[in-house]
Amino acid sequence: MRAVPALVAAALLAVTGCGISPTDVQDRGATPTITIPPPSKTYFLIKDGKLSLEPADVENDTVDSLLGALFEASEQPLGDRDTALRGFTYDGIEDSVNPVTRDEVPLPRTSTLTVYLRGDGILSKIAMAQIVCTAQQDVVFEQVKIVRENEGRPSKSEGQYTCGELKPTS
């Protein structure tokens, strides 16, 4: 019968806790949040054979407007800068960002951005870098897929990249 008092004592000890009395909930300020900075109003052109971050003349800093301006730049004189996108036309983007909703709060999800373009000729590595690095200024996009639309033929994927894979290291 000695086991019963020991069991009661153990149960009583478990109920009383570790000797710290409970307190009311205390408000310590706002909950911590992470803010993802928006992309800048810049795009990548070529200067001295290397990618160069240049100001873009756009109304807003969306990836769609930056890429539209990047392709439009290929139709203009650029002074000491250049672009490898001459002869290509921007057709738009499609992203796979579908924020997860948890407790009614949308959470950002990284994704792949698909960029559609038209044009004949070879899309060089530095041309792809211009597209990918411009798009990845928006940190939501982990990778950028480039798809070439063809008149009367199926579309062709030019690949899926990150800026680090394409950006010249020298």
N, C-alpha and C. Protein backbone atom coordinates (compact mmCIF):
# COMPACT_ATOMS: atom_id res chain seq x y z
N MET A 1 0.79 -1.18 0.00
CA MET A 1 0.00 0.00 0.00
C MET A 1 0.84 1.27 0.00
N ARG A 2 2.13 1.11 0.15
CA ARG A 2 2.99 2.28 0.11
C ARG A 2 3.03 2.89 -1.29
N ALA A 3 2.74 2.16 -2.31
CA ALA A 3 2.78 2.65 -3.69
C ALA A 3 1.69 3.69 -3.92
N VAL A 4 0.55 3.56 -3.23
CA VAL A 4 -0.54 4.50 -3.43
C VAL A 4 -0.16 5.90 -2.97
N PRO A 5 0.40 6.10 -1.75
CA PRO A 5 0.79 7.45 -1.36
C PRO A 5 1.87 8.03 -2.28
N ALA A 6 2.79 7.20 -2.76
CA ALA A 6 3.83 7.68 -3.65
C ALA A 6 3.22 8.11 -4.98
N LEU A 7 2.22 7.35 -5.45
CA LEU A 7 1.55 7.69 -6.70
C LEU A 7 0.75 8.98 -6.56
N VAL A 8 0.08 9.16 -5.42
CA VAL A 8 -0.67 10.38 -5.16
C VAL A 8 0.29 11.58 -5.09
N ALA A 9 1.43 11.40 -4.46
CA ALA A 9 2.41 12.48 -4.34
C ALA A 9 2.95 12.86 -5.72
N ALA A 10 3.21 11.87 -6.56
CA ALA A 10 3.70 12.15 -7.92
C ALA A 10 2.65 12.89 -8.74
N ALA A 11 1.38 12.48 -8.61
CA ALA A 11 0.30 13.14 -9.34
C ALA A 11 0.13 14.58 -8.85
N LEU A 12 0.23 14.78 -7.54
CA LEU A 12 0.11 16.12 -6.97
C LEU A 12 1.26 17.01 -7.43
N LEU A 13 2.45 16.46 -7.49
CA LEU A 13 3.62 17.21 -7.98
C LEU A 13 3.45 17.59 -9.45
N ALA A 14 2.91 16.68 -10.25
CA ALA A 14 2.72 16.96 -11.68
C ALA A 14 1.68 18.06 -11.89
N VAL A 15 0.67 18.07 -11.04
CA VAL A 15 -0.38 19.08 -11.17
C VAL A 15 0.13 20.47 -10.77
N THR A 16 0.96 20.52 -9.76
CA THR A 16 1.43 21.82 -9.26
C THR A 16 2.55 22.39 -10.13
N GLY A 17 3.16 21.60 -11.00
CA GLY A 17 4.18 22.11 -11.91
C GLY A 17 5.54 22.18 -11.24
N CYS A 18 6.34 23.12 -11.72
CA CYS A 18 7.72 23.19 -11.26
C CYS A 18 7.92 24.31 -10.24
N GLY A 19 6.86 24.80 -9.67
CA GLY A 19 7.00 25.84 -8.66
C GLY A 19 6.91 27.24 -9.20
N ILE A 20 6.68 27.41 -10.46
CA ILE A 20 6.53 28.74 -11.05
C ILE A 20 5.05 29.01 -11.19
N SER A 21 4.61 30.11 -10.64
CA SER A 21 3.19 30.42 -10.72
C SER A 21 2.87 31.00 -12.09
N PRO A 22 1.70 30.65 -12.65
CA PRO A 22 1.33 31.15 -13.97
C PRO A 22 1.03 32.65 -13.95
N THR A 23 1.24 33.30 -15.08
CA THR A 23 0.94 34.73 -15.20
C THR A 23 -0.08 34.92 -16.32
N ASP A 24 -0.66 36.09 -16.36
CA ASP A 24 -1.58 36.42 -17.44
C ASP A 24 -0.77 36.65 -18.72
N VAL A 25 -1.47 36.63 -19.86
CA VAL A 25 -0.83 36.91 -21.13
C VAL A 25 -0.38 38.36 -21.15
N GLN A 26 0.85 38.58 -21.59
CA GLN A 26 1.39 39.93 -21.64
C GLN A 26 1.66 40.32 -23.08
N ASP A 27 1.22 41.53 -23.46
CA ASP A 27 1.43 42.02 -24.82
C ASP A 27 2.82 42.64 -24.89
N ARG A 28 3.66 42.12 -25.77
CA ARG A 28 5.04 42.60 -25.90
C ARG A 28 5.27 43.32 -27.23
N GLY A 29 4.21 43.73 -27.92
CA GLY A 29 4.37 44.44 -29.18
C GLY A 29 3.91 43.60 -30.36
N ALA A 30 4.19 44.10 -31.53
CA ALA A 30 3.78 43.45 -32.77
C ALA A 30 4.56 42.15 -32.98
N THR A 31 3.93 41.23 -33.68
CA THR A 31 4.60 39.97 -33.99
C THR A 31 5.68 40.22 -35.03
N PRO A 32 6.74 39.46 -35.00
CA PRO A 32 7.81 39.66 -35.99
C PRO A 32 7.33 39.26 -37.38
N THR A 33 7.67 40.06 -38.36
CA THR A 33 7.30 39.75 -39.75
C THR A 33 8.51 39.96 -40.64
N ILE A 34 8.46 39.31 -41.79
CA ILE A 34 9.52 39.45 -42.77
C ILE A 34 8.93 40.19 -43.96
N THR A 35 9.58 41.21 -44.40
CA THR A 35 9.14 41.96 -45.56
C THR A 35 10.12 41.70 -46.71
N ILE A 36 9.59 41.22 -47.82
CA ILE A 36 10.42 40.97 -48.99
C ILE A 36 10.46 42.26 -49.78
N PRO A 37 11.66 42.77 -50.04
CA PRO A 37 11.72 44.05 -50.76
C PRO A 37 11.23 43.89 -52.20
N PRO A 38 10.55 44.91 -52.71
CA PRO A 38 10.09 44.83 -54.09
C PRO A 38 11.27 44.95 -55.04
N PRO A 39 11.11 44.46 -56.26
CA PRO A 39 12.20 44.63 -57.21
C PRO A 39 12.40 46.12 -57.51
N SER A 40 13.56 46.45 -57.96
CA SER A 40 13.85 47.85 -58.27
C SER A 40 13.42 48.17 -59.70
N LYS A 41 13.47 49.42 -60.05
CA LYS A 41 13.14 49.84 -61.41
C LYS A 41 14.42 49.83 -62.25
N THR A 42 15.02 48.65 -62.32
CA THR A 42 16.25 48.48 -63.09
C THR A 42 16.17 47.19 -63.90
N TYR A 43 16.98 47.15 -64.96
CA TYR A 43 17.10 45.94 -65.75
C TYR A 43 18.56 45.78 -66.16
N PHE A 44 18.86 44.62 -66.76
CA PHE A 44 20.24 44.33 -67.13
C PHE A 44 20.46 44.53 -68.62
N LEU A 45 21.42 45.41 -68.93
CA LEU A 45 21.90 45.60 -70.29
C LEU A 45 23.34 45.10 -70.34
N ILE A 46 24.00 45.29 -71.45
CA ILE A 46 25.39 44.84 -71.60
C ILE A 46 26.28 46.07 -71.77
N LYS A 47 27.34 46.11 -70.98
CA LYS A 47 28.32 47.19 -71.07
C LYS A 47 29.70 46.55 -71.00
N ASP A 48 30.53 46.82 -71.99
CA ASP A 48 31.86 46.22 -72.08
C ASP A 48 31.83 44.70 -72.01
N GLY A 49 30.80 44.10 -72.63
CA GLY A 49 30.69 42.65 -72.69
C GLY A 49 30.18 41.98 -71.43
N LYS A 50 29.80 42.76 -70.41
CA LYS A 50 29.32 42.21 -69.14
C LYS A 50 27.94 42.76 -68.83
N LEU A 51 27.21 42.04 -68.00
CA LEU A 51 25.91 42.53 -67.57
C LEU A 51 26.09 43.78 -66.73
N SER A 52 25.22 44.75 -66.96
CA SER A 52 25.28 46.01 -66.23
C SER A 52 23.87 46.39 -65.80
N LEU A 53 23.68 46.61 -64.52
CA LEU A 53 22.38 46.99 -63.99
C LEU A 53 22.14 48.46 -64.32
N GLU A 54 21.07 48.73 -65.06
CA GLU A 54 20.78 50.08 -65.55
C GLU A 54 19.38 50.49 -65.14
N PRO A 55 19.15 51.79 -64.96
CA PRO A 55 17.80 52.25 -64.63
C PRO A 55 16.84 52.02 -65.81
N ALA A 56 15.65 51.59 -65.48
CA ALA A 56 14.63 51.32 -66.50
C ALA A 56 13.56 52.41 -66.42
N ASP A 57 13.13 52.89 -67.55
CA ASP A 57 12.09 53.91 -67.61
C ASP A 57 10.73 53.21 -67.62
N VAL A 58 10.24 52.87 -66.42
CA VAL A 58 8.97 52.18 -66.27
C VAL A 58 8.14 52.87 -65.19
N GLU A 59 6.82 52.74 -65.30
CA GLU A 59 5.95 53.34 -64.30
C GLU A 59 5.99 52.58 -62.99
N ASN A 60 6.02 51.26 -63.07
CA ASN A 60 6.03 50.46 -61.83
C ASN A 60 7.15 49.44 -61.89
N ASP A 61 7.38 48.79 -60.76
CA ASP A 61 8.50 47.87 -60.66
C ASP A 61 8.08 46.41 -60.77
N THR A 62 7.01 46.13 -61.50
CA THR A 62 6.62 44.74 -61.69
C THR A 62 7.57 44.07 -62.68
N VAL A 63 7.70 42.79 -62.55
CA VAL A 63 8.58 42.04 -63.45
C VAL A 63 8.08 42.16 -64.89
N ASP A 64 6.77 42.15 -65.09
CA ASP A 64 6.22 42.27 -66.43
C ASP A 64 6.63 43.59 -67.08
N SER A 65 6.53 44.70 -66.35
CA SER A 65 6.90 45.99 -66.94
C SER A 65 8.40 46.09 -67.16
N LEU A 66 9.21 45.53 -66.27
CA LEU A 66 10.66 45.56 -66.45
C LEU A 66 11.09 44.75 -67.67
N LEU A 67 10.51 43.57 -67.84
CA LEU A 67 10.86 42.75 -69.00
C LEU A 67 10.37 43.40 -70.29
N GLY A 68 9.19 44.00 -70.26
CA GLY A 68 8.71 44.72 -71.44
C GLY A 68 9.67 45.83 -71.83
N ALA A 69 10.14 46.58 -70.84
CA ALA A 69 11.10 47.67 -71.10
C ALA A 69 12.44 47.12 -71.58
N LEU A 70 12.85 45.98 -71.06
CA LEU A 70 14.12 45.37 -71.48
C LEU A 70 14.08 45.02 -72.97
N PHE A 71 12.99 44.43 -73.42
CA PHE A 71 12.88 44.07 -74.83
C PHE A 71 12.69 45.31 -75.70
N GLU A 72 11.99 46.32 -75.20
CA GLU A 72 11.82 47.56 -75.96
C GLU A 72 13.16 48.28 -76.13
N ALA A 73 14.06 48.13 -75.18
CA ALA A 73 15.38 48.77 -75.27
C ALA A 73 16.15 48.28 -76.48
N SER A 74 15.85 47.06 -76.95
CA SER A 74 16.58 46.52 -78.10
C SER A 74 16.23 47.25 -79.39
N GLU A 75 15.19 48.07 -79.35
CA GLU A 75 14.78 48.82 -80.53
C GLU A 75 15.28 50.27 -80.49
N GLN A 76 16.08 50.60 -79.47
CA GLN A 76 16.54 51.97 -79.30
C GLN A 76 18.06 52.03 -79.29
N PRO A 77 18.62 53.19 -79.62
CA PRO A 77 20.07 53.34 -79.46
C PRO A 77 20.39 53.40 -77.97
N LEU A 78 21.42 52.72 -77.56
CA LEU A 78 21.74 52.61 -76.14
C LEU A 78 23.08 53.23 -75.76
N GLY A 79 23.70 53.95 -76.67
CA GLY A 79 24.98 54.59 -76.35
C GLY A 79 26.08 53.57 -76.14
N ASP A 80 26.72 53.62 -74.97
CA ASP A 80 27.82 52.69 -74.67
C ASP A 80 27.32 51.37 -74.11
N ARG A 81 26.01 51.19 -74.06
CA ARG A 81 25.42 49.93 -73.60
C ARG A 81 24.82 49.21 -74.80
N ASP A 82 24.50 47.93 -74.63
CA ASP A 82 23.93 47.15 -75.72
C ASP A 82 23.00 46.10 -75.12
N THR A 83 22.36 45.35 -76.00
CA THR A 83 21.51 44.25 -75.58
C THR A 83 21.69 43.11 -76.57
N ALA A 84 21.56 41.91 -76.07
CA ALA A 84 21.65 40.72 -76.92
C ALA A 84 20.26 40.24 -77.33
N LEU A 85 19.25 41.08 -77.09
CA LEU A 85 17.87 40.69 -77.36
C LEU A 85 17.33 41.28 -78.65
N ARG A 86 18.20 41.86 -79.47
CA ARG A 86 17.75 42.43 -80.74
C ARG A 86 17.18 41.30 -81.61
N GLY A 87 16.01 41.56 -82.21
CA GLY A 87 15.35 40.56 -83.05
C GLY A 87 14.38 39.69 -82.28
N PHE A 88 14.28 39.89 -80.97
CA PHE A 88 13.34 39.11 -80.17
C PHE A 88 12.24 40.03 -79.64
N THR A 89 11.05 39.46 -79.49
CA THR A 89 9.89 40.21 -79.00
C THR A 89 9.36 39.55 -77.74
N TYR A 90 9.04 40.35 -76.78
CA TYR A 90 8.49 39.88 -75.50
C TYR A 90 7.01 39.60 -75.65
N ASP A 91 6.57 38.38 -75.27
CA ASP A 91 5.17 38.00 -75.37
C ASP A 91 4.45 37.94 -74.04
N GLY A 92 5.15 38.05 -72.94
CA GLY A 92 4.50 38.03 -71.63
C GLY A 92 5.10 37.02 -70.68
N ILE A 93 4.50 36.95 -69.50
CA ILE A 93 4.98 36.04 -68.46
C ILE A 93 3.82 35.25 -67.87
N GLU A 94 4.18 34.18 -67.23
CA GLU A 94 3.23 33.38 -66.45
C GLU A 94 3.99 32.91 -65.23
N ASP A 95 3.42 33.09 -64.06
CA ASP A 95 4.12 32.62 -62.87
C ASP A 95 3.31 31.56 -62.16
N SER A 96 4.00 30.82 -61.33
CA SER A 96 3.35 29.76 -60.56
C SER A 96 3.22 30.16 -59.10
N VAL A 97 3.15 31.46 -58.85
CA VAL A 97 2.98 31.92 -57.47
C VAL A 97 1.52 31.80 -57.10
N ASN A 98 1.26 30.90 -56.22
CA ASN A 98 -0.07 30.74 -55.65
C ASN A 98 0.13 30.72 -54.14
N PRO A 99 -0.01 31.87 -53.49
CA PRO A 99 0.31 31.90 -52.07
C PRO A 99 -0.53 30.92 -51.27
N VAL A 100 0.13 30.24 -50.36
CA VAL A 100 -0.55 29.33 -49.46
C VAL A 100 -1.27 30.20 -48.43
N THR A 101 -2.49 29.86 -48.10
CA THR A 101 -3.20 30.60 -47.06
C THR A 101 -3.20 29.76 -45.80
N ARG A 102 -2.71 30.35 -44.74
CA ARG A 102 -2.68 29.67 -43.47
C ARG A 102 -3.26 30.62 -42.43
N ASP A 103 -4.30 30.18 -41.78
CA ASP A 103 -4.97 31.03 -40.80
C ASP A 103 -5.35 32.37 -41.41
N GLU A 104 -5.80 32.33 -42.67
CA GLU A 104 -6.29 33.50 -43.39
C GLU A 104 -5.22 34.53 -43.70
N VAL A 105 -3.95 34.15 -43.60
CA VAL A 105 -2.85 35.05 -43.94
C VAL A 105 -2.12 34.47 -45.14
N PRO A 106 -2.10 35.17 -46.30
CA PRO A 106 -1.39 34.61 -47.46
C PRO A 106 0.12 34.65 -47.22
N LEU A 107 0.75 33.54 -47.46
CA LEU A 107 2.20 33.44 -47.28
C LEU A 107 2.87 33.40 -48.65
N PRO A 108 3.98 34.11 -48.84
CA PRO A 108 4.64 34.07 -50.15
C PRO A 108 5.25 32.70 -50.41
N ARG A 109 5.23 32.30 -51.64
CA ARG A 109 5.83 31.03 -52.03
C ARG A 109 6.76 31.30 -53.20
N THR A 110 7.95 30.77 -53.13
CA THR A 110 8.86 30.94 -54.25
C THR A 110 8.39 30.07 -55.40
N SER A 111 8.75 30.47 -56.60
CA SER A 111 8.22 29.75 -57.74
C SER A 111 9.08 29.94 -58.98
N THR A 112 8.55 29.43 -60.06
CA THR A 112 9.18 29.58 -61.37
C THR A 112 8.39 30.58 -62.19
N LEU A 113 9.10 31.49 -62.81
CA LEU A 113 8.49 32.45 -63.72
C LEU A 113 8.78 31.97 -65.13
N THR A 114 7.76 31.91 -65.97
CA THR A 114 7.95 31.54 -67.36
C THR A 114 7.85 32.80 -68.20
N VAL A 115 8.89 33.06 -69.01
CA VAL A 115 8.94 34.22 -69.89
C VAL A 115 8.76 33.72 -71.32
N TYR A 116 7.78 34.30 -72.02
CA TYR A 116 7.50 33.93 -73.40
C TYR A 116 8.04 34.99 -74.33
N LEU A 117 8.72 34.54 -75.39
CA LEU A 117 9.26 35.47 -76.37
C LEU A 117 9.14 34.88 -77.77
N ARG A 118 9.29 35.76 -78.75
CA ARG A 118 9.29 35.36 -80.16
C ARG A 118 10.55 35.88 -80.81
N GLY A 119 10.95 35.22 -81.87
CA GLY A 119 12.09 35.70 -82.63
C GLY A 119 12.88 34.57 -83.23
N ASP A 120 13.55 34.89 -84.32
CA ASP A 120 14.41 33.92 -84.98
C ASP A 120 15.83 34.17 -84.54
N GLY A 121 16.66 33.23 -84.75
CA GLY A 121 18.05 33.38 -84.37
C GLY A 121 18.36 32.66 -83.07
N ILE A 122 19.60 32.78 -82.69
CA ILE A 122 20.09 32.09 -81.49
C ILE A 122 19.96 33.01 -80.29
N LEU A 123 19.37 32.50 -79.23
CA LEU A 123 19.27 33.23 -77.97
C LEU A 123 20.53 32.90 -77.17
N SER A 124 21.46 33.85 -77.14
CA SER A 124 22.75 33.60 -76.50
C SER A 124 22.64 33.50 -74.98
N LYS A 125 23.70 33.03 -74.37
CA LYS A 125 23.73 32.90 -72.91
C LYS A 125 23.59 34.26 -72.24
N ILE A 126 24.23 35.29 -72.79
CA ILE A 126 24.13 36.62 -72.17
C ILE A 126 22.73 37.22 -72.38
N ALA A 127 22.06 36.87 -73.48
CA ALA A 127 20.67 37.31 -73.68
C ALA A 127 19.76 36.67 -72.64
N MET A 128 19.96 35.37 -72.40
CA MET A 128 19.18 34.69 -71.37
C MET A 128 19.48 35.28 -70.00
N ALA A 129 20.74 35.63 -69.76
CA ALA A 129 21.12 36.24 -68.48
C ALA A 129 20.42 37.59 -68.30
N GLN A 130 20.30 38.37 -69.36
CA GLN A 130 19.58 39.64 -69.26
C GLN A 130 18.15 39.41 -68.78
N ILE A 131 17.49 38.43 -69.36
CA ILE A 131 16.10 38.12 -68.99
C ILE A 131 16.02 37.60 -67.57
N VAL A 132 16.80 36.58 -67.26
CA VAL A 132 16.72 35.89 -65.97
C VAL A 132 17.13 36.82 -64.83
N CYS A 133 18.23 37.54 -64.98
CA CYS A 133 18.70 38.40 -63.90
C CYS A 133 17.76 39.58 -63.67
N THR A 134 17.15 40.09 -64.74
CA THR A 134 16.15 41.16 -64.59
C THR A 134 14.95 40.62 -63.82
N ALA A 135 14.46 39.44 -64.19
CA ALA A 135 13.29 38.86 -63.52
C ALA A 135 13.58 38.50 -62.08
N GLN A 136 14.77 38.00 -61.79
CA GLN A 136 15.07 37.54 -60.44
C GLN A 136 15.40 38.68 -59.47
N GLN A 137 15.27 39.92 -59.91
CA GLN A 137 15.33 41.01 -58.94
C GLN A 137 14.14 40.90 -57.98
N ASP A 138 13.05 40.27 -58.44
CA ASP A 138 11.93 39.94 -57.57
C ASP A 138 12.29 38.60 -56.93
N VAL A 139 12.59 38.62 -55.64
CA VAL A 139 13.13 37.45 -54.95
C VAL A 139 12.15 36.30 -54.82
N VAL A 140 10.90 36.50 -55.21
CA VAL A 140 9.92 35.43 -55.14
C VAL A 140 10.25 34.32 -56.13
N PHE A 141 10.91 34.69 -57.24
CA PHE A 141 11.13 33.71 -58.30
C PHE A 141 12.47 33.01 -58.12
N GLU A 142 12.40 31.70 -57.84
CA GLU A 142 13.60 30.89 -57.67
C GLU A 142 14.27 30.62 -59.01
N GLN A 143 13.46 30.37 -60.03
CA GLN A 143 14.00 30.07 -61.35
C GLN A 143 13.17 30.76 -62.41
N VAL A 144 13.78 30.97 -63.56
CA VAL A 144 13.10 31.58 -64.70
C VAL A 144 13.21 30.63 -65.88
N LYS A 145 12.07 30.29 -66.43
CA LYS A 145 12.01 29.41 -67.61
C LYS A 145 11.75 30.30 -68.82
N ILE A 146 12.50 30.08 -69.88
CA ILE A 146 12.35 30.86 -71.11
C ILE A 146 11.74 29.96 -72.18
N VAL A 147 10.63 30.42 -72.76
CA VAL A 147 9.94 29.65 -73.79
C VAL A 147 9.82 30.51 -75.05
N ARG A 148 10.25 29.94 -76.16
CA ARG A 148 10.15 30.63 -77.45
C ARG A 148 8.89 30.18 -78.15
N GLU A 149 8.03 31.15 -78.46
CA GLU A 149 6.81 30.89 -79.21
C GLU A 149 7.16 30.89 -80.70
N ASN A 150 6.66 29.91 -81.43
CA ASN A 150 6.96 29.80 -82.85
C ASN A 150 5.69 29.87 -83.66
N GLU A 151 5.73 30.61 -84.74
CA GLU A 151 4.58 30.76 -85.63
C GLU A 151 4.33 29.43 -86.34
N GLY A 152 3.17 28.83 -86.11
CA GLY A 152 2.80 27.60 -86.81
C GLY A 152 3.51 26.35 -86.33
N ARG A 153 4.32 26.47 -85.30
CA ARG A 153 5.03 25.30 -84.75
C ARG A 153 4.86 25.30 -83.24
N PRO A 154 5.12 24.17 -82.60
CA PRO A 154 5.02 24.14 -81.14
C PRO A 154 6.06 25.05 -80.49
N SER A 155 5.74 25.50 -79.30
CA SER A 155 6.68 26.31 -78.53
C SER A 155 7.89 25.48 -78.17
N LYS A 156 9.01 26.16 -77.94
CA LYS A 156 10.25 25.47 -77.58
C LYS A 156 10.82 26.06 -76.30
N SER A 157 11.08 25.20 -75.33
CA SER A 157 11.70 25.67 -74.10
C SER A 157 13.19 25.90 -74.33
N GLU A 158 13.66 27.06 -73.92
CA GLU A 158 15.09 27.39 -74.01
C GLU A 158 15.81 27.01 -72.72
N GLY A 159 15.06 26.52 -71.74
CA GLY A 159 15.66 26.08 -70.48
C GLY A 159 15.13 26.86 -69.29
N GLN A 160 15.55 26.39 -68.12
CA GLN A 160 15.13 26.98 -66.85
C GLN A 160 16.40 27.32 -66.08
N TYR A 161 16.53 28.57 -65.62
CA TYR A 161 17.80 29.05 -65.09
C TYR A 161 17.64 29.91 -63.85
N THR A 162 18.78 30.14 -63.20
CA THR A 162 18.91 31.18 -62.18
C THR A 162 19.94 32.17 -62.68
N CYS A 163 19.91 33.36 -62.14
CA CYS A 163 20.85 34.39 -62.56
C CYS A 163 22.30 33.94 -62.33
N GLY A 164 22.54 33.30 -61.20
CA GLY A 164 23.89 32.83 -60.88
C GLY A 164 24.45 31.85 -61.88
N GLU A 165 23.58 31.04 -62.50
CA GLU A 165 24.04 30.08 -63.50
C GLU A 165 24.48 30.75 -64.80
N LEU A 166 23.86 31.88 -65.13
CA LEU A 166 24.10 32.52 -66.41
C LEU A 166 25.03 33.72 -66.36
N LYS A 167 25.10 34.37 -65.23
CA LYS A 167 25.87 35.61 -65.12
C LYS A 167 27.37 35.32 -65.26
N PRO A 168 28.03 36.01 -66.18
CA PRO A 168 29.48 35.79 -66.32
C PRO A 168 30.19 36.11 -65.01
N THR A 169 31.18 35.30 -64.67
CA THR A 169 31.87 35.46 -63.39
C THR A 169 33.07 36.40 -63.47
N SER A 170 33.50 36.77 -64.64
CA SER A 170 34.69 37.62 -64.72
C SER A 170 34.34 39.08 -64.68
